[in-house]
Amino acid sequence: MSTATLAPTTGVGEQVARKKRTTYEPIPMRTIMGVELRKMFDTRSGFWLMASIVILSVIATGAVILFAPADEQTYDSFAGAIGIPMTIVLPIIAALSITSEWSQRTGLTTFTMVPSRSRVVVAKLIDTVLIGITSILVALAVGALGNVIGSQLAGVPTTWDMTVSEVLYILAGNGLGLLMGFTLGVLFRNSAAAIVGYFVYSMVLPTLSALLAGAQDWYADAQRWVDFQFNQTGLFDGGFTAQDWASLAVTGAAWLLLPLAFGLWRVLRSEVK
């Protein structure tokens, strides 16, 4: 009697499935950006945080019209008043744009739909920068309107005492603050910790640095090479020299780029729950 042996064969259905397996193109970056931008406005807190930019700009403009002397009804006064709330609100918006994935527990859904976390983070960063630029331009437009109204009410000529380069310096200063807020959001991935961290960076550390510079001559000479906030604030005064740009680059690499790189490394490797 002979025994028949059957050679293992691959099923016909499996072969057909392999041939007909469909591959999909990655989700376009513009789609991811659109979704992330919409997520920043969807919640009540997000909506009112965005609206606060216009609201605070109007309040600051009204304060200058009501309380500033007639000789200070200039565009520079309005821009300076509006710039104060901008330096606080914009970094908070940037921080919340990234921490919301963890604080609101949407990260699991987001990174399931888009497995490439780096693309999501880049989309959030681009949206945040675009919102920051748009917000600053809107605020400057509100200040320009206030300048016209304020000078007319005060009976003085309308003074436009800001150049294009000065506006660009303001954009750069606020842009760095916004990036710092985003960096803290990536680094901590917790809304409260990121916001507190920004207030420590923007208010506590500069005060301590100024006190140390006033007490120690050696630190007064080295401050520009150590204190990133000192160089960032200097942008609002404009007129940077080559040495100023060099010190900004050195401190920016230490205070901004390195923490951002470490935070991104953690985001890409951490477990999402």
Protein backbone atom coordinates (compact mmCIF):
# COMPACT_ATOMS: atom_id res chain seq x y z
CA MET A 1 0.00 0.00 0.00
CA SER A 2 1.33 3.43 -0.89
CA THR A 3 0.77 6.60 1.10
CA ALA A 4 -0.06 9.81 -0.76
CA THR A 5 1.47 13.04 0.53
CA LEU A 6 0.07 16.45 -0.26
CA ALA A 7 2.46 19.38 -0.69
CA PRO A 8 1.41 22.53 1.19
CA THR A 9 -0.11 25.02 -1.17
CA THR A 10 -1.21 28.60 -0.72
CA GLY A 11 -4.95 29.09 -0.92
CA VAL A 12 -6.32 30.70 -4.04
CA GLY A 13 -8.28 33.19 -1.97
CA GLU A 14 -5.15 34.31 -0.13
CA GLN A 15 -3.28 34.82 -3.38
CA VAL A 16 -6.10 36.93 -4.80
CA ALA A 17 -6.23 38.99 -1.59
CA ARG A 18 -2.53 39.68 -1.81
CA LYS A 19 -2.83 40.80 -5.42
CA LYS A 20 -5.81 43.05 -4.75
CA ARG A 21 -4.58 44.59 -1.50
CA THR A 22 -5.25 48.32 -1.68
CA THR A 23 -2.71 50.87 -0.59
CA TYR A 24 -3.80 54.36 0.46
CA GLU A 25 -2.00 57.65 0.09
CA PRO A 26 -1.07 59.43 3.33
CA ILE A 27 -3.49 62.05 4.56
CA PRO A 28 -2.45 65.39 2.99
CA MET A 29 -0.79 67.85 5.32
CA ARG A 30 -3.38 70.51 4.48
CA THR A 31 -6.12 68.17 5.74
CA ILE A 32 -4.27 67.56 9.01
CA MET A 33 -3.72 71.30 9.40
CA GLY A 34 -7.40 71.97 8.78
CA VAL A 35 -8.47 69.43 11.39
CA GLU A 36 -5.98 70.70 13.99
CA LEU A 37 -7.02 74.29 13.33
CA ARG A 38 -10.68 73.40 13.80
CA LYS A 39 -9.87 71.59 17.05
CA MET A 40 -8.37 74.80 18.42
CA PHE A 41 -11.75 76.56 18.01
CA ASP A 42 -14.15 73.73 18.80
CA THR A 43 -14.15 73.95 22.59
CA ARG A 44 -15.56 76.88 24.55
CA SER A 45 -12.21 77.57 26.19
CA GLY A 46 -10.46 77.52 22.81
CA PHE A 47 -13.03 79.81 21.21
CA TRP A 48 -12.93 82.39 24.01
CA LEU A 49 -9.15 82.24 24.19
CA MET A 50 -9.01 83.15 20.51
CA ALA A 51 -11.69 85.79 20.96
CA SER A 52 -9.76 87.27 23.88
CA ILE A 53 -7.11 88.48 21.44
CA VAL A 54 -9.57 90.86 19.79
CA ILE A 55 -11.30 91.68 23.08
CA LEU A 56 -8.07 92.58 24.86
CA SER A 57 -6.87 94.58 21.86
CA VAL A 58 -10.06 96.65 21.97
CA ILE A 59 -9.77 97.12 25.75
CA ALA A 60 -6.11 98.20 25.50
CA THR A 61 -6.94 100.58 22.66
CA GLY A 62 -9.84 102.06 24.62
CA ALA A 63 -7.60 102.52 27.66
CA VAL A 64 -5.09 104.54 25.64
CA ILE A 65 -7.86 106.71 24.16
CA LEU A 66 -9.38 107.40 27.58
CA PHE A 67 -6.34 107.78 29.80
CA ALA A 68 -3.29 108.68 27.68
CA PRO A 69 -2.39 112.38 27.35
CA ALA A 70 -3.02 114.06 24.02
CA ASP A 71 0.67 114.06 23.10
CA GLU A 72 0.81 110.28 23.58
CA GLN A 73 -2.05 109.51 21.21
CA THR A 74 0.37 107.93 18.75
CA TYR A 75 0.48 104.59 16.99
CA ASP A 76 3.47 103.51 19.05
CA SER A 77 1.46 103.99 22.26
CA PHE A 78 -1.42 101.90 20.94
CA ALA A 79 0.90 99.15 19.69
CA GLY A 80 2.73 99.06 23.02
CA ALA A 81 -0.51 98.77 24.98
CA ILE A 82 -1.83 96.00 22.74
CA GLY A 83 1.50 94.16 22.86
CA ILE A 84 1.21 93.49 26.61
CA PRO A 85 -1.76 91.07 26.44
CA MET A 86 -0.38 89.57 23.21
CA THR A 87 2.78 88.41 24.99
CA ILE A 88 0.60 86.48 27.46
CA VAL A 89 -2.25 85.12 25.33
CA LEU A 90 -0.32 83.88 22.29
CA PRO A 91 2.08 81.56 24.20
CA ILE A 92 -0.87 80.09 26.11
CA ILE A 93 -2.65 79.36 22.82
CA ALA A 94 0.52 77.70 21.53
CA ALA A 95 0.91 75.58 24.66
CA LEU A 96 -2.73 74.45 24.70
CA SER A 97 -2.59 73.49 21.03
CA ILE A 98 -0.29 70.60 21.93
CA THR A 99 -1.29 69.77 25.51
CA SER A 100 -4.96 69.33 24.57
CA GLU A 101 -4.15 65.93 23.06
CA TRP A 102 -3.20 64.69 26.52
CA SER A 103 -5.36 66.79 28.84
CA GLN A 104 -8.55 66.09 26.84
CA ARG A 105 -7.50 62.50 26.03
CA THR A 106 -7.85 62.96 22.28
CA GLY A 107 -4.32 61.82 21.53
CA LEU A 108 -5.26 58.17 21.11
CA THR A 109 -7.82 59.03 18.42
CA THR A 110 -5.55 61.57 16.74
CA PHE A 111 -2.52 59.30 16.53
CA THR A 112 -4.64 56.35 15.43
CA MET A 113 -6.00 58.32 12.49
CA VAL A 114 -2.55 59.76 11.74
CA PRO A 115 0.09 57.30 13.01
CA SER A 116 2.92 59.68 12.11
CA ARG A 117 3.03 61.84 15.24
CA SER A 118 5.63 64.12 13.73
CA ARG A 119 3.19 65.20 11.00
CA VAL A 120 0.56 66.05 13.61
CA VAL A 121 3.03 68.10 15.65
CA VAL A 122 4.25 69.95 12.55
CA ALA A 123 0.65 70.70 11.54
CA LYS A 124 -0.05 72.07 15.03
CA LEU A 125 3.09 74.21 14.89
CA ILE A 126 2.23 75.66 11.47
CA ASP A 127 -1.34 76.41 12.57
CA THR A 128 -0.08 78.05 15.76
CA VAL A 129 2.37 80.28 13.88
CA LEU A 130 -0.30 81.29 11.36
CA ILE A 131 -2.74 82.10 14.15
CA GLY A 132 -0.04 84.11 15.92
CA ILE A 133 0.81 86.17 12.84
CA THR A 134 -2.86 86.75 12.03
CA SER A 135 -3.63 87.74 15.63
CA ILE A 136 -0.79 90.25 15.77
CA LEU A 137 -1.82 91.81 12.46
CA VAL A 138 -5.44 92.06 13.63
CA ALA A 139 -4.28 93.63 16.89
CA LEU A 140 -2.15 96.16 15.00
CA ALA A 141 -5.13 96.96 12.79
CA VAL A 142 -7.26 97.60 15.90
CA GLY A 143 -4.46 99.83 17.21
CA ALA A 144 -4.38 101.74 13.91
CA LEU A 145 -8.12 102.36 14.15
CA GLY A 146 -7.70 103.48 17.75
CA ASN A 147 -4.89 105.81 16.72
CA VAL A 148 -7.15 107.55 14.22
CA ILE A 149 -10.08 107.82 16.65
CA GLY A 150 -7.90 108.85 19.61
CA SER A 151 -6.08 111.60 17.73
CA GLN A 152 -9.37 112.97 16.40
CA LEU A 153 -10.92 113.04 19.86
CA ALA A 154 -7.80 114.65 21.35
CA GLY A 155 -7.63 117.22 18.56
CA VAL A 156 -4.04 116.35 17.59
CA PRO A 157 -2.57 115.19 14.27
CA THR A 158 -2.63 111.44 13.66
CA THR A 159 0.92 110.21 14.22
CA TRP A 160 2.23 107.06 12.57
CA ASP A 161 5.54 106.69 14.37
CA MET A 162 6.28 103.05 13.59
CA THR A 163 8.25 101.81 10.63
CA VAL A 164 7.92 98.49 8.82
CA SER A 165 11.13 97.23 10.44
CA GLU A 166 9.73 98.01 13.90
CA VAL A 167 6.59 96.01 13.09
CA LEU A 168 8.77 93.10 11.97
CA TYR A 169 10.72 93.27 15.23
CA ILE A 170 7.41 93.09 17.12
CA LEU A 171 6.37 90.06 15.05
CA ALA A 172 9.70 88.40 15.80
CA GLY A 173 9.47 89.07 19.53
CA ASN A 174 5.93 87.74 19.81
CA GLY A 175 6.81 84.85 17.53
CA LEU A 176 9.60 83.70 19.84
CA GLY A 177 7.25 83.92 22.82
CA LEU A 178 4.72 81.83 20.93
CA LEU A 179 7.38 79.23 20.10
CA MET A 180 8.41 79.12 23.75
CA GLY A 181 4.82 78.39 24.73
CA PHE A 182 4.69 75.62 22.13
CA THR A 183 7.98 74.21 23.39
CA LEU A 184 6.72 74.08 26.97
CA GLY A 185 3.57 72.37 25.76
CA VAL A 186 5.61 69.71 23.96
CA LEU A 187 7.94 69.36 26.92
CA PHE A 188 5.35 68.99 29.70
CA ARG A 189 2.27 67.75 27.77
CA ASN A 190 0.14 69.12 30.59
CA SER A 191 -1.83 72.36 30.28
CA ALA A 192 -1.37 73.60 33.84
CA ALA A 193 2.33 72.76 33.94
CA ALA A 194 2.97 74.42 30.56
CA ILE A 195 1.13 77.63 31.53
CA VAL A 196 2.84 77.86 34.91
CA GLY A 197 6.16 77.12 33.25
CA TYR A 198 5.65 80.00 30.83
CA PHE A 199 4.83 82.47 33.60
CA VAL A 200 7.94 81.38 35.47
CA TYR A 201 9.99 81.83 32.29
CA SER A 202 8.50 85.21 31.36
CA MET A 203 8.12 86.82 34.79
CA VAL A 204 10.10 85.09 37.54
CA LEU A 205 13.35 84.31 35.74
CA PRO A 206 13.73 87.78 34.13
CA THR A 207 13.29 89.41 37.55
CA LEU A 208 15.93 87.18 39.11
CA SER A 209 18.22 87.74 36.15
CA ALA A 210 17.84 91.53 36.40
CA LEU A 211 18.55 91.47 40.14
CA LEU A 212 21.66 89.38 39.60
CA ALA A 213 22.84 91.67 36.81
CA GLY A 214 22.42 94.66 39.10
CA ALA A 215 24.38 93.00 41.91
CA GLN A 216 27.13 91.22 39.96
CA ASP A 217 29.16 92.97 37.27
CA TRP A 218 30.37 89.71 35.76
CA TYR A 219 26.77 88.60 35.15
CA ALA A 220 25.80 92.01 33.76
CA ASP A 221 28.40 91.46 31.03
CA ALA A 222 27.34 87.86 30.41
CA GLN A 223 23.58 88.34 30.68
CA ARG A 224 22.96 88.68 26.97
CA TRP A 225 24.70 85.32 26.41
CA VAL A 226 22.69 83.55 29.12
CA ASP A 227 19.24 85.11 29.33
CA PHE A 228 17.01 84.30 26.33
CA GLN A 229 14.13 86.38 27.70
CA PHE A 230 16.47 89.39 27.88
CA ASN A 231 17.24 89.07 24.16
CA GLN A 232 13.65 88.31 23.21
CA THR A 233 12.39 91.41 25.02
CA GLY A 234 15.10 93.45 23.32
CA LEU A 235 13.44 92.70 19.97
CA PHE A 236 10.56 95.00 20.89
CA ASP A 237 13.04 97.89 21.07
CA GLY A 238 14.45 97.04 17.63
CA GLY A 239 17.80 98.11 16.23
CA PHE A 240 19.59 94.81 16.71
CA THR A 241 23.29 94.68 15.90
CA ALA A 242 25.25 91.65 14.73
CA GLN A 243 26.25 90.92 18.34
CA ASP A 244 22.62 91.14 19.44
CA TRP A 245 21.58 88.61 16.80
CA ALA A 246 24.47 86.34 17.81
CA SER A 247 23.49 86.39 21.49
CA LEU A 248 19.86 85.77 20.53
CA ALA A 249 20.92 82.74 18.47
CA VAL A 250 23.07 81.30 21.27
CA THR A 251 20.46 81.69 23.99
CA GLY A 252 17.69 80.59 21.64
CA ALA A 253 19.53 77.35 20.91
CA ALA A 254 19.92 76.65 24.63
CA TRP A 255 16.49 77.76 25.85
CA LEU A 256 14.30 76.98 22.84
CA LEU A 257 15.76 74.52 20.32
CA LEU A 258 17.26 71.96 22.72
CA PRO A 259 14.14 71.71 24.95
CA LEU A 260 11.96 71.51 21.83
CA ALA A 261 14.07 68.70 20.39
CA PHE A 262 13.95 66.79 23.69
CA GLY A 263 10.19 67.32 23.97
CA LEU A 264 9.62 66.09 20.41
CA TRP A 265 11.73 63.00 21.15
CA ARG A 266 9.50 62.26 24.14
CA VAL A 267 6.30 62.84 22.16
CA LEU A 268 7.43 60.45 19.42
CA ARG A 269 8.39 57.71 21.84
CA SER A 270 5.91 58.02 24.72
CA GLU A 271 2.87 55.78 25.13
CA VAL A 272 -0.45 57.45 24.39
CA LYS A 273 -3.25 56.49 26.80
